[in-house]
Structure formats: structure tokens, C-alpha cells
Amino acid sequence: MIQGEGNRGRKESHGIEKRELVKCPYQDCDKGLVEAMFGSRAECHQCDGFGFVDKETGEALPEREIIRQLVIRLAHQRMEAKKKICELQRSNQYLQQRLMDWERGR
């Protein structure tokens, strides 16, 4: 729950709690869709068509909560990608310096 939304029987917090999501366990679910009769596709009833369920409960989350959780995941992935880019840039600078030192020493 976001601070300021009011207390509706839930504990108020200062941010959005990250929840573990897992792929929908229903064997016929493919990214939230299942094969229906005559080859048509329909939303999976177990995950409400999102393809993910809560890891702890195995239940589908409300649309608003799924969106929040996916935004959290995306932000985390972006942060990890930025860290990796910084590591690669430092490594590249180090290797370029080593190459320049080696070329001067020939």
C-alpha cells in the first residue's frame, strides 16, 4: 500500500512491498493464454491472463498489483544493467591503458 492511500484494514507502509512472482503453474498456460475450443485462445483463469502468480499463495494478483510488481522488476533490472555497464566501462578503460602501456614499451 502506498502512503497516503488511507488505511483500509491493511498496515500502512512507506513504499511498495516487493513480492515474489512465479510463472503460472497451470500446464496449459502460455504467457497468460490457454488454448480454448476450436483453436481459439482465452485468458488463463489461474493467473487472470497475466502469466504470473504470487509465489507464496499461488494466487493471481489484482491488475494494479501486477503492474506495480512488474515496474519494480523493471527498475531492478535497469539498475543491474547500469551496474554491469559501469563495470564493463572500467574494464575497458583498464584494458585500453594496458594496451597503450604495452605499445609504448615495444
PDB file of N, CA and C in Angstrom:
ATOM      1  N   MET A   1       0.846  -1.170   0.000  1.00  0.00           N
ATOM      2  CA  MET A   1       0.000   0.000   0.000  1.00  0.00           C
ATOM      3  C   MET A   1       0.888   1.229   0.000  1.00  0.00           C
ATOM      4  N   ILE A   2       0.519   2.215  -0.708  1.00  0.00           N
ATOM      5  CA  ILE A   2       1.280   3.450  -0.799  1.00  0.00           C
ATOM      6  C   ILE A   2       0.836   4.388   0.308  1.00  0.00           C
ATOM      7  N   GLN A   3       1.801   5.081   0.905  1.00  0.00           N
ATOM      8  CA  GLN A   3       1.482   6.010   1.980  1.00  0.00           C
ATOM      9  C   GLN A   3       0.488   7.044   1.477  1.00  0.00           C
ATOM     10  N   GLY A   4      -0.516   7.343   2.266  1.00  0.00           N
ATOM     11  CA  GLY A   4      -1.490   8.355   1.915  1.00  0.00           C
ATOM     12  C   GLY A   4      -2.748   7.794   1.277  1.00  0.00           C
ATOM     13  N   GLU A   5      -2.783   6.501   0.963  1.00  0.00           N
ATOM     14  CA  GLU A   5      -3.987   5.922   0.374  1.00  0.00           C
ATOM     15  C   GLU A   5      -5.073   5.688   1.418  1.00  0.00           C
ATOM     16  N   GLY A   6      -4.711   5.828   2.665  1.00  0.00           N
ATOM     17  CA  GLY A   6      -5.693   5.576   3.710  1.00  0.00           C
ATOM     18  C   GLY A   6      -5.535   4.162   4.226  1.00  0.00           C
ATOM     19  N   ASN A   7      -6.035   3.918   5.390  1.00  0.00           N
ATOM     20  CA  ASN A   7      -5.891   2.608   5.993  1.00  0.00           C
ATOM     21  C   ASN A   7      -7.188   1.849   5.824  1.00  0.00           C
ATOM     22  N   ARG A   8      -7.160   0.839   4.979  1.00  0.00           N
ATOM     23  CA  ARG A   8      -8.349   0.025   4.710  1.00  0.00           C
ATOM     24  C   ARG A   8      -8.179  -1.367   5.301  1.00  0.00           C
ATOM     25  N   GLY A   9      -7.764  -1.418   6.561  1.00  0.00           N
ATOM     26  CA  GLY A   9      -7.593  -2.701   7.217  1.00  0.00           C
ATOM     27  C   GLY A   9      -6.226  -3.314   6.981  1.00  0.00           C
ATOM     28  N   ARG A  10      -5.360  -2.627   6.225  1.00  0.00           N
ATOM     29  CA  ARG A  10      -4.014  -3.128   5.983  1.00  0.00           C
ATOM     30  C   ARG A  10      -3.019  -2.204   6.659  1.00  0.00           C
ATOM     31  N   LYS A  11      -1.880  -2.757   6.985  1.00  0.00           N
ATOM     32  CA  LYS A  11      -0.824  -1.964   7.603  1.00  0.00           C
ATOM     33  C   LYS A  11      -0.278  -0.971   6.584  1.00  0.00           C
ATOM     34  N   GLU A  12      -0.202   0.275   6.953  1.00  0.00           N
ATOM     35  CA  GLU A  12       0.317   1.324   6.074  1.00  0.00           C
ATOM     36  C   GLU A  12       1.829   1.229   6.037  1.00  0.00           C
ATOM     37  N   SER A  13       2.406   1.387   4.858  1.00  0.00           N
ATOM     38  CA  SER A  13       3.855   1.310   4.721  1.00  0.00           C
ATOM     39  C   SER A  13       4.360   2.521   3.959  1.00  0.00           C
ATOM     40  N   HIS A  14       5.667   2.632   3.867  1.00  0.00           N
ATOM     41  CA  HIS A  14       6.293   3.760   3.190  1.00  0.00           C
ATOM     42  C   HIS A  14       6.779   3.376   1.809  1.00  0.00           C
ATOM     43  N   GLY A  15       6.105   2.524   1.134  1.00  0.00           N
ATOM     44  CA  GLY A  15       6.504   2.114  -0.205  1.00  0.00           C
ATOM     45  C   GLY A  15       5.759   0.856  -0.601  1.00  0.00           C
ATOM     46  N   ILE A  16       6.151   0.350  -1.733  1.00  0.00           N
ATOM     47  CA  ILE A  16       5.507  -0.848  -2.256  1.00  0.00           C
ATOM     48  C   ILE A  16       6.366  -2.053  -1.892  1.00  0.00           C
ATOM     49  N   GLU A  17       5.740  -3.043  -1.310  1.00  0.00           N
ATOM     50  CA  GLU A  17       6.449  -4.252  -0.924  1.00  0.00           C
ATOM     51  C   GLU A  17       6.680  -5.119  -2.155  1.00  0.00           C
ATOM     52  N   LYS A  18       7.930  -5.535  -2.340  1.00  0.00           N
ATOM     53  CA  LYS A  18       8.240  -6.405  -3.465  1.00  0.00           C
ATOM     54  C   LYS A  18       7.764  -7.813  -3.134  1.00  0.00           C
ATOM     55  N   ARG A  19       7.018  -8.388  -4.055  1.00  0.00           N
ATOM     56  CA  ARG A  19       6.514  -9.745  -3.880  1.00  0.00           C
ATOM     57  C   ARG A  19       7.139 -10.631  -4.935  1.00  0.00           C
ATOM     58  N   GLU A  20       7.394 -11.853  -4.555  1.00  0.00           N
ATOM     59  CA  GLU A  20       7.965 -12.802  -5.499  1.00  0.00           C
ATOM     60  C   GLU A  20       6.855 -13.309  -6.428  1.00  0.00           C
ATOM     61  N   LEU A  21       7.111 -13.212  -7.708  1.00  0.00           N
ATOM     62  CA  LEU A  21       6.185 -13.726  -8.707  1.00  0.00           C
ATOM     63  C   LEU A  21       6.806 -14.943  -9.367  1.00  0.00           C
ATOM     64  N   VAL A  22       5.975 -15.887  -9.731  1.00  0.00           N
ATOM     65  CA  VAL A  22       6.436 -17.059 -10.470  1.00  0.00           C
ATOM     66  C   VAL A  22       5.534 -17.248 -11.678  1.00  0.00           C
ATOM     67  N   LYS A  23       6.058 -17.966 -12.656  1.00  0.00           N
ATOM     68  CA  LYS A  23       5.273 -18.277 -13.851  1.00  0.00           C
ATOM     69  C   LYS A  23       4.046 -19.074 -13.430  1.00  0.00           C
ATOM     70  N   CYS A  24       2.956 -18.825 -14.082  1.00  0.00           N
ATOM     71  CA  CYS A  24       1.709 -19.528 -13.768  1.00  0.00           C
ATOM     72  C   CYS A  24       1.943 -21.038 -13.827  1.00  0.00           C
ATOM     73  N   PRO A  25       1.552 -21.768 -12.772  1.00  0.00           N
ATOM     74  CA  PRO A  25       1.816 -23.211 -12.731  1.00  0.00           C
ATOM     75  C   PRO A  25       0.880 -24.047 -13.605  1.00  0.00           C
ATOM     76  N   TYR A  26      -0.190 -23.452 -14.110  1.00  0.00           N
ATOM     77  CA  TYR A  26      -1.131 -24.218 -14.925  1.00  0.00           C
ATOM     78  C   TYR A  26      -0.427 -24.680 -16.194  1.00  0.00           C
ATOM     79  N   GLN A  27      -0.413 -25.978 -16.436  1.00  0.00           N
ATOM     80  CA  GLN A  27       0.399 -26.546 -17.516  1.00  0.00           C
ATOM     81  C   GLN A  27       0.025 -26.047 -18.903  1.00  0.00           C
ATOM     82  N   ASP A  28      -1.209 -25.661 -19.125  1.00  0.00           N
ATOM     83  CA  ASP A  28      -1.620 -25.192 -20.448  1.00  0.00           C
ATOM     84  C   ASP A  28      -1.489 -23.682 -20.620  1.00  0.00           C
ATOM     85  N   CYS A  29      -1.063 -22.985 -19.573  1.00  0.00           N
ATOM     86  CA  CYS A  29      -0.936 -21.537 -19.629  1.00  0.00           C
ATOM     87  C   CYS A  29       0.350 -21.168 -20.360  1.00  0.00           C
ATOM     88  N   ASP A  30       0.211 -20.351 -21.380  1.00  0.00           N
ATOM     89  CA  ASP A  30       1.353 -19.861 -22.143  1.00  0.00           C
ATOM     90  C   ASP A  30       1.297 -18.343 -22.134  1.00  0.00           C
ATOM     91  N   LYS A  31       2.050 -17.738 -21.200  1.00  0.00           N
ATOM     92  CA  LYS A  31       2.087 -16.285 -21.046  1.00  0.00           C
ATOM     93  C   LYS A  31       0.691 -15.696 -20.797  1.00  0.00           C
ATOM     94  N   GLY A  32      -0.099 -16.403 -20.015  1.00  0.00           N
ATOM     95  CA  GLY A  32      -1.417 -15.905 -19.642  1.00  0.00           C
ATOM     96  C   GLY A  32      -2.552 -16.345 -20.547  1.00  0.00           C
ATOM     97  N   LEU A  33      -2.238 -17.099 -21.588  1.00  0.00           N
ATOM     98  CA  LEU A  33      -3.268 -17.566 -22.516  1.00  0.00           C
ATOM     99  C   LEU A  33      -3.301 -19.087 -22.568  1.00  0.00           C
ATOM    100  N   VAL A  34      -4.494 -19.629 -22.779  1.00  0.00           N
ATOM    101  CA  VAL A  34      -4.660 -21.075 -22.930  1.00  0.00           C
ATOM    102  C   VAL A  34      -5.421 -21.349 -24.219  1.00  0.00           C
ATOM    103  N   GLU A  35      -5.186 -22.524 -24.773  1.00  0.00           N
ATOM    104  CA  GLU A  35      -5.918 -22.936 -25.975  1.00  0.00           C
ATOM    105  C   GLU A  35      -7.359 -23.251 -25.580  1.00  0.00           C
ATOM    106  N   ALA A  36      -8.290 -22.634 -26.248  1.00  0.00           N
ATOM    107  CA  ALA A  36      -9.704 -22.901 -25.989  1.00  0.00           C
ATOM    108  C   ALA A  36     -10.229 -23.831 -27.090  1.00  0.00           C
ATOM    109  N   MET A  37     -11.500 -24.010 -27.111  1.00  0.00           N
ATOM    110  CA  MET A  37     -12.102 -24.885 -28.119  1.00  0.00           C
ATOM    111  C   MET A  37     -11.903 -24.314 -29.517  1.00  0.00           C
ATOM    112  N   PHE A  38     -11.763 -25.192 -30.474  1.00  0.00           N
ATOM    113  CA  PHE A  38     -11.646 -24.849 -31.891  1.00  0.00           C
ATOM    114  C   PHE A  38     -10.428 -23.979 -32.193  1.00  0.00           C
ATOM    115  N   GLY A  39      -9.370 -24.115 -31.384  1.00  0.00           N
ATOM    116  CA  GLY A  39      -8.116 -23.427 -31.652  1.00  0.00           C
ATOM    117  C   GLY A  39      -8.054 -21.973 -31.229  1.00  0.00           C
ATOM    118  N   SER A  40      -9.106 -21.466 -30.624  1.00  0.00           N
ATOM    119  CA  SER A  40      -9.050 -20.073 -30.172  1.00  0.00           C
ATOM    120  C   SER A  40      -8.251 -19.997 -28.873  1.00  0.00           C
ATOM    121  N   ARG A  41      -7.887 -18.804 -28.465  1.00  0.00           N
ATOM    122  CA  ARG A  41      -7.115 -18.605 -27.244  1.00  0.00           C
ATOM    123  C   ARG A  41      -7.950 -17.782 -26.270  1.00  0.00           C
ATOM    124  N   ALA A  42      -7.802 -18.089 -24.992  1.00  0.00           N
ATOM    125  CA  ALA A  42      -8.536 -17.380 -23.949  1.00  0.00           C
ATOM    126  C   ALA A  42      -7.586 -17.100 -22.780  1.00  0.00           C
ATOM    127  N   GLU A  43      -7.957 -16.136 -21.948  1.00  0.00           N
ATOM    128  CA  GLU A  43      -7.154 -15.829 -20.774  1.00  0.00           C
ATOM    129  C   GLU A  43      -7.163 -17.009 -19.811  1.00  0.00           C
ATOM    130  N   CYS A  44      -6.012 -17.264 -19.219  1.00  0.00           N
ATOM    131  CA  CYS A  44      -5.897 -18.309 -18.202  1.00  0.00           C
ATOM    132  C   CYS A  44      -6.650 -17.841 -16.949  1.00  0.00           C
ATOM    133  N   HIS A  45      -7.462 -18.716 -16.379  1.00  0.00           N
ATOM    134  CA  HIS A  45      -8.241 -18.343 -15.193  1.00  0.00           C
ATOM    135  C   HIS A  45      -7.396 -18.383 -13.924  1.00  0.00           C
ATOM    136  N   GLN A  46      -6.304 -19.156 -13.936  1.00  0.00           N
ATOM    137  CA  GLN A  46      -5.478 -19.256 -12.736  1.00  0.00           C
ATOM    138  C   GLN A  46      -4.670 -17.980 -12.495  1.00  0.00           C
ATOM    139  N   CYS A  47      -4.174 -17.360 -13.587  1.00  0.00           N
ATOM    140  CA  CYS A  47      -3.344 -16.151 -13.427  1.00  0.00           C
ATOM    141  C   CYS A  47      -4.056 -14.896 -13.945  1.00  0.00           C
ATOM    142  N   ASP A  48      -5.315 -15.014 -14.302  1.00  0.00           N
ATOM    143  CA  ASP A  48      -6.108 -13.902 -14.841  1.00  0.00           C
ATOM    144  C   ASP A  48      -5.505 -13.299 -16.103  1.00  0.00           C
ATOM    145  N   GLY A  49      -4.784 -14.127 -16.850  1.00  0.00           N
ATOM    146  CA  GLY A  49      -4.250 -13.692 -18.138  1.00  0.00           C
ATOM    147  C   GLY A  49      -2.938 -12.938 -18.060  1.00  0.00           C
ATOM    148  N   PHE A  50      -2.292 -12.913 -16.877  1.00  0.00           N
ATOM    149  CA  PHE A  50      -1.031 -12.184 -16.740  1.00  0.00           C
ATOM    150  C   PHE A  50       0.194 -13.072 -16.889  1.00  0.00           C
ATOM    151  N   GLY A  51       0.044 -14.375 -16.682  1.00  0.00           N
ATOM    152  CA  GLY A  51       1.170 -15.287 -16.809  1.00  0.00           C
ATOM    153  C   GLY A  51       1.979 -15.448 -15.535  1.00  0.00           C
ATOM    154  N   PHE A  52       1.653 -14.685 -14.478  1.00  0.00           N
ATOM    155  CA  PHE A  52       2.365 -14.752 -13.201  1.00  0.00           C
ATOM    156  C   PHE A  52       1.373 -14.908 -12.054  1.00  0.00           C
ATOM    157  N   VAL A  53       1.843 -15.564 -11.002  1.00  0.00           N
ATOM    158  CA  VAL A  53       1.065 -15.678  -9.765  1.00  0.00           C
ATOM    159  C   VAL A  53       1.995 -15.377  -8.596  1.00  0.00           C
ATOM    160  N   ASP A  54       1.418 -15.099  -7.437  1.00  0.00           N
ATOM    161  CA  ASP A  54       2.188 -14.861  -6.233  1.00  0.00           C
ATOM    162  C   ASP A  54       2.870 -16.156  -5.820  1.00  0.00           C
ATOM    163  N   LYS A  55       4.165 -16.094  -5.537  1.00  0.00           N
ATOM    164  CA  LYS A  55       4.923 -17.302  -5.192  1.00  0.00           C
ATOM    165  C   LYS A  55       4.419 -17.940  -3.906  1.00  0.00           C
ATOM    166  N   GLU A  56       4.098 -17.126  -2.906  1.00  0.00           N
ATOM    167  CA  GLU A  56       3.682 -17.651  -1.600  1.00  0.00           C
ATOM    168  C   GLU A  56       2.305 -18.296  -1.641  1.00  0.00           C
ATOM    169  N   THR A  57       1.363 -17.626  -2.295  1.00  0.00           N
ATOM    170  CA  THR A  57      -0.026 -18.097  -2.256  1.00  0.00           C
ATOM    171  C   THR A  57      -0.431 -18.881  -3.491  1.00  0.00           C
ATOM    172  N   GLY A  58       0.265 -18.674  -4.609  1.00  0.00           N
ATOM    173  CA  GLY A  58      -0.114 -19.320  -5.862  1.00  0.00           C
ATOM    174  C   GLY A  58      -1.330 -18.685  -6.514  1.00  0.00           C
ATOM    175  N   GLU A  59      -1.767 -17.555  -5.961  1.00  0.00           N
ATOM    176  CA  GLU A  59      -2.950 -16.882  -6.473  1.00  0.00           C
ATOM    177  C   GLU A  59      -2.577 -15.733  -7.409  1.00  0.00           C
ATOM    178  N   ALA A  60      -3.491 -15.417  -8.298  1.00  0.00           N
ATOM    179  CA  ALA A  60      -3.307 -14.272  -9.187  1.00  0.00           C
ATOM    180  C   ALA A  60      -3.411 -12.993  -8.364  1.00  0.00           C
ATOM    181  N   LEU A  61      -2.618 -12.006  -8.733  1.00  0.00           N
ATOM    182  CA  LEU A  61      -2.685 -10.705  -8.073  1.00  0.00           C
ATOM    183  C   LEU A  61      -3.620  -9.796  -8.857  1.00  0.00           C
ATOM    184  N   PRO A  62      -4.196  -8.804  -8.191  1.00  0.00           N
ATOM    185  CA  PRO A  62      -5.020  -7.832  -8.919  1.00  0.00           C
ATOM    186  C   PRO A  62      -4.168  -7.106  -9.964  1.00  0.00           C
ATOM    187  N   GLU A  63      -4.813  -6.621 -11.007  1.00  0.00           N
ATOM    188  CA  GLU A  63      -4.107  -5.972 -12.108  1.00  0.00           C
ATOM    189  C   GLU A  63      -3.180  -4.860 -11.619  1.00  0.00           C
ATOM    190  N   ARG A  64      -3.670  -4.026 -10.737  1.00  0.00           N
ATOM    191  CA  ARG A  64      -2.864  -2.909 -10.232  1.00  0.00           C
ATOM    192  C   ARG A  64      -1.597  -3.409  -9.542  1.00  0.00           C
ATOM    193  N   GLU A  65      -1.728  -4.476  -8.766  1.00  0.00           N
ATOM    194  CA  GLU A  65      -0.573  -5.031  -8.043  1.00  0.00           C
ATOM    195  C   GLU A  65       0.412  -5.702  -9.006  1.00  0.00           C
ATOM    196  N   ILE A  66      -0.087  -6.390 -10.020  1.00  0.00           N
ATOM    197  CA  ILE A  66       0.796  -6.998 -11.028  1.00  0.00           C
ATOM    198  C   ILE A  66       1.616  -5.903 -11.706  1.00  0.00           C
ATOM    199  N   ILE A  67       0.970  -4.814 -12.067  1.00  0.00           N
ATOM    200  CA  ILE A  67       1.680  -3.711 -12.728  1.00  0.00           C
ATOM    201  C   ILE A  67       2.758  -3.153 -11.799  1.00  0.00           C
ATOM    202  N   ARG A  68       2.411  -2.955 -10.541  1.00  0.00           N
ATOM    203  CA  ARG A  68       3.403  -2.454  -9.575  1.00  0.00           C
ATOM    204  C   ARG A  68       4.598  -3.399  -9.478  1.00  0.00           C
ATOM    205  N   GLN A  69       4.319  -4.681  -9.372  1.00  0.00           N
ATOM    206  CA  GLN A  69       5.397  -5.656  -9.228  1.00  0.00           C
ATOM    207  C   GLN A  69       6.277  -5.712 -10.479  1.00  0.00           C
ATOM    208  N   LEU A  70       5.677  -5.594 -11.644  1.00  0.00           N
ATOM    209  CA  LEU A  70       6.461  -5.601 -12.875  1.00  0.00           C
ATOM    210  C   LEU A  70       7.301  -4.332 -13.005  1.00  0.00           C
ATOM    211  N   VAL A  71       6.783  -3.200 -12.541  1.00  0.00           N
ATOM    212  CA  VAL A  71       7.554  -1.955 -12.539  1.00  0.00           C
ATOM    213  C   VAL A  71       8.754  -2.092 -11.595  1.00  0.00           C
ATOM    214  N   ILE A  72       8.555  -2.703 -10.442  1.00  0.00           N
ATOM    215  CA  ILE A  72       9.656  -2.938  -9.502  1.00  0.00           C
ATOM    216  C   ILE A  72      10.715  -3.816 -10.162  1.00  0.00           C
ATOM    217  N   ARG A  73      10.285  -4.887 -10.828  1.00  0.00           N
ATOM    218  CA  ARG A  73      11.228  -5.779 -11.517  1.00  0.00           C
ATOM    219  C   ARG A  73      12.004  -5.028 -12.589  1.00  0.00           C
ATOM    220  N   LEU A  74      11.308  -4.223 -13.371  1.00  0.00           N
ATOM    221  CA  LEU A  74      11.958  -3.470 -14.440  1.00  0.00           C
ATOM    222  C   LEU A  74      12.990  -2.496 -13.870  1.00  0.00           C
ATOM    223  N   ALA A  75      12.636  -1.806 -12.803  1.00  0.00           N
ATOM    224  CA  ALA A  75      13.567  -0.866 -12.175  1.00  0.00           C
ATOM    225  C   ALA A  75      14.803  -1.604 -11.664  1.00  0.00           C
ATOM    226  N   HIS A  76      14.596  -2.766 -11.067  1.00  0.00           N
ATOM    227  CA  HIS A  76      15.717  -3.559 -10.567  1.00  0.00           C
ATOM    228  C   HIS A  76      16.615  -4.015 -11.723  1.00  0.00           C
ATOM    229  N   GLN A  77      16.016  -4.472 -12.820  1.00  0.00           N
ATOM    230  CA  GLN A  77      16.799  -4.906 -13.974  1.00  0.00           C
ATOM    231  C   GLN A  77      17.579  -3.747 -14.578  1.00  0.00           C
ATOM    232  N   ARG A  78      16.977  -2.574 -14.632  1.00  0.00           N
ATOM    233  CA  ARG A  78      17.681  -1.390 -15.148  1.00  0.00           C
ATOM    234  C   ARG A  78      18.875  -1.057 -14.269  1.00  0.00           C
ATOM    235  N   MET A  79      18.681  -1.109 -12.954  1.00  0.00           N
ATOM    236  CA  MET A  79      19.757  -0.812 -12.029  1.00  0.00           C
ATOM    237  C   MET A  79      20.904  -1.818 -12.200  1.00  0.00           C
ATOM    238  N   GLU A  80      20.571  -3.090 -12.339  1.00  0.00           N
ATOM    239  CA  GLU A  80      21.591  -4.112 -12.545  1.00  0.00           C
ATOM    240  C   GLU A  80      22.315  -3.901 -13.878  1.00  0.00           C
ATOM    241  N   ALA A  81      21.579  -3.510 -14.914  1.00  0.00           N
ATOM    242  CA  ALA A  81      22.197  -3.257 -16.225  1.00  0.00           C
ATOM    243  C   ALA A  81      23.157  -2.072 -16.140  1.00  0.00           C
ATOM    244  N   LYS A  82      22.769  -1.030 -15.422  1.00  0.00           N
ATOM    245  CA  LYS A  82      23.651   0.131 -15.257  1.00  0.00           C
ATOM    246  C   LYS A  82      24.927  -0.254 -14.525  1.00  0.00           C
ATOM    247  N   LYS A  83      24.805  -1.095 -13.481  1.00  0.00           N
ATOM    248  CA  LYS A  83      25.984  -1.555 -12.759  1.00  0.00           C
ATOM    249  C   LYS A  83      26.910  -2.335 -13.693  1.00  0.00           C
ATOM    250  N   LYS A  84      26.324  -3.205 -14.502  1.00  0.00           N
ATOM    251  CA  LYS A  84      27.118  -4.013 -15.434  1.00  0.00           C
ATOM    252  C   LYS A  84      27.818  -3.121 -16.458  1.00  0.00           C
ATOM    253  N   ILE A  85      27.121  -2.115 -16.964  1.00  0.00           N
ATOM    254  CA  ILE A  85      27.724  -1.186 -17.928  1.00  0.00           C
ATOM    255  C   ILE A  85      28.907  -0.463 -17.295  1.00  0.00           C
ATOM    256  N   CYS A  86      28.757  -0.002 -16.048  1.00  0.00           N
ATOM    257  CA  CYS A  86      29.859   0.675 -15.353  1.00  0.00           C
ATOM    258  C   CYS A  86      31.053  -0.264 -15.190  1.00  0.00           C
ATOM    259  N   GLU A  87      30.802  -1.515 -14.818  1.00  0.00           N
ATOM    260  CA  GLU A  87      31.887  -2.494 -14.679  1.00  0.00           C
ATOM    261  C   GLU A  87      32.600  -2.701 -16.014  1.00  0.00           C
ATOM    262  N   LEU A  88      31.839  -2.826 -17.084  1.00  0.00           N
ATOM    263  CA  LEU A  88      32.434  -3.027 -18.403  1.00  0.00           C
ATOM    264  C   LEU A  88      33.223  -1.805 -18.854  1.00  0.00           C
ATOM    265  N   GLN A  89      32.736  -0.618 -18.550  1.00  0.00           N
ATOM    266  CA  GLN A  89      33.463   0.601 -18.916  1.00  0.00           C
ATOM    267  C   GLN A  89      34.782   0.690 -18.163  1.00  0.00           C
ATOM    268  N   ARG A  90      34.767   0.354 -16.866  1.00  0.00           N
ATOM    269  CA  ARG A  90      36.020   0.356 -16.095  1.00  0.00           C
ATOM    270  C   ARG A  90      36.998  -0.677 -16.642  1.00  0.00           C
ATOM    271  N   SER A  91      36.481  -1.839 -16.970  1.00  0.00           N
ATOM    272  CA  SER A  91      37.329  -2.885 -17.532  1.00  0.00           C
ATOM    273  C   SER A  91      37.914  -2.449 -18.873  1.00  0.00           C
ATOM    274  N   ASN A  92      37.100  -1.810 -19.687  1.00  0.00           N
ATOM    275  CA  ASN A  92      37.553  -1.326 -20.988  1.00  0.00           C
ATOM    276  C   ASN A  92      38.651  -0.272 -20.820  1.00  0.00           C
ATOM    277  N   GLN A  93      38.462   0.653 -19.888  1.00  0.00           N
ATOM    278  CA  GLN A  93      39.475   1.680 -19.640  1.00  0.00           C
ATOM    279  C   GLN A  93      40.786   1.044 -19.181  1.00  0.00           C
ATOM    280  N   TYR A  94      40.696   0.073 -18.308  1.00  0.00           N
ATOM    281  CA  TYR A  94      41.884  -0.619 -17.819  1.00  0.00           C
ATOM    282  C   TYR A  94      42.616  -1.310 -18.966  1.00  0.00           C
ATOM    283  N   LEU A  95      41.872  -2.015 -19.802  1.00  0.00           N
ATOM    284  CA  LEU A  95      42.495  -2.725 -20.926  1.00  0.00           C
ATOM    285  C   LEU A  95      43.091  -1.761 -21.941  1.00  0.00           C
ATOM    286  N   GLN A  96      42.437  -0.650 -22.182  1.00  0.00           N
ATOM    287  CA  GLN A  96      42.988   0.350 -23.100  1.00  0.00           C
ATOM    288  C   GLN A  96      44.290   0.923 -22.551  1.00  0.00           C
ATOM    289  N   GLN A  97      44.333   1.167 -21.243  1.00  0.00           N
ATOM    290  CA  GLN A  97      45.553   1.669 -20.626  1.00  0.00           C
ATOM    291  C   GLN A  97      46.671   0.651 -20.727  1.00  0.00           C
ATOM    292  N   ARG A  98      46.349  -0.615 -20.475  1.00  0.00           N
ATOM    293  CA  ARG A  98      47.358  -1.673 -20.598  1.00  0.00           C
ATOM    294  C   ARG A  98      47.886  -1.762 -22.019  1.00  0.00           C
ATOM    295  N   LEU A  99      46.992  -1.642 -23.011  1.00  0.00           N
ATOM    296  CA  LEU A  99      47.401  -1.696 -24.411  1.00  0.00           C
ATOM    297  C   LEU A  99      48.322  -0.526 -24.743  1.00  0.00           C
ATOM    298  N   MET A 100      47.970   0.668 -24.275  1.00  0.00           N
ATOM    299  CA  MET A 100      48.803   1.849 -24.550  1.00  0.00           C
ATOM    300  C   MET A 100      50.182   1.678 -23.892  1.00  0.00           C
ATOM    301  N   ASP A 101      50.226   1.164 -22.654  1.00  0.00           N
ATOM    302  CA  ASP A 101      51.487   0.922 -21.974  1.00  0.00           C
ATOM    303  C   ASP A 101      52.322  -0.111 -22.731  1.00  0.00           C
ATOM    304  N   TRP A 102      51.683  -1.143 -23.194  1.00  0.00           N
ATOM    305  CA  TRP A 102      52.384  -2.201 -23.941  1.00  0.00           C
ATOM    306  C   TRP A 102      52.954  -1.648 -25.246  1.00  0.00           C
ATOM    307  N   GLU A 103      52.141  -0.818 -25.964  1.00  0.00           N
ATOM    308  CA  GLU A 103      52.602  -0.263 -27.238  1.00  0.00           C
ATOM    309  C   GLU A 103      53.772   0.689 -27.018  1.00  0.00           C
ATOM    310  N   ARG A 104      53.800   1.447 -25.916  1.00  0.00           N
ATOM    311  CA  ARG A 104      54.918   2.343 -25.607  1.00  0.00           C
ATOM    312  C   ARG A 104      56.183   1.559 -25.282  1.00  0.00           C
ATOM    313  N   GLY A 105      56.012   0.387 -24.727  1.00  0.00           N
ATOM    314  CA  GLY A 105      57.141  -0.421 -24.297  1.00  0.00           C
ATOM    315  C   GLY A 105      57.775  -1.245 -25.401  1.00  0.00           C
ATOM    316  N   ARG A 106      57.170  -1.290 -26.591  1.00  0.00           N
ATOM    317  CA  ARG A 106      57.726  -2.114 -27.683  1.00  0.00           C
ATOM    318  C   ARG A 106      58.943  -1.529 -28.258  1.00  0.00           C
TER     319      ARG A 106
END
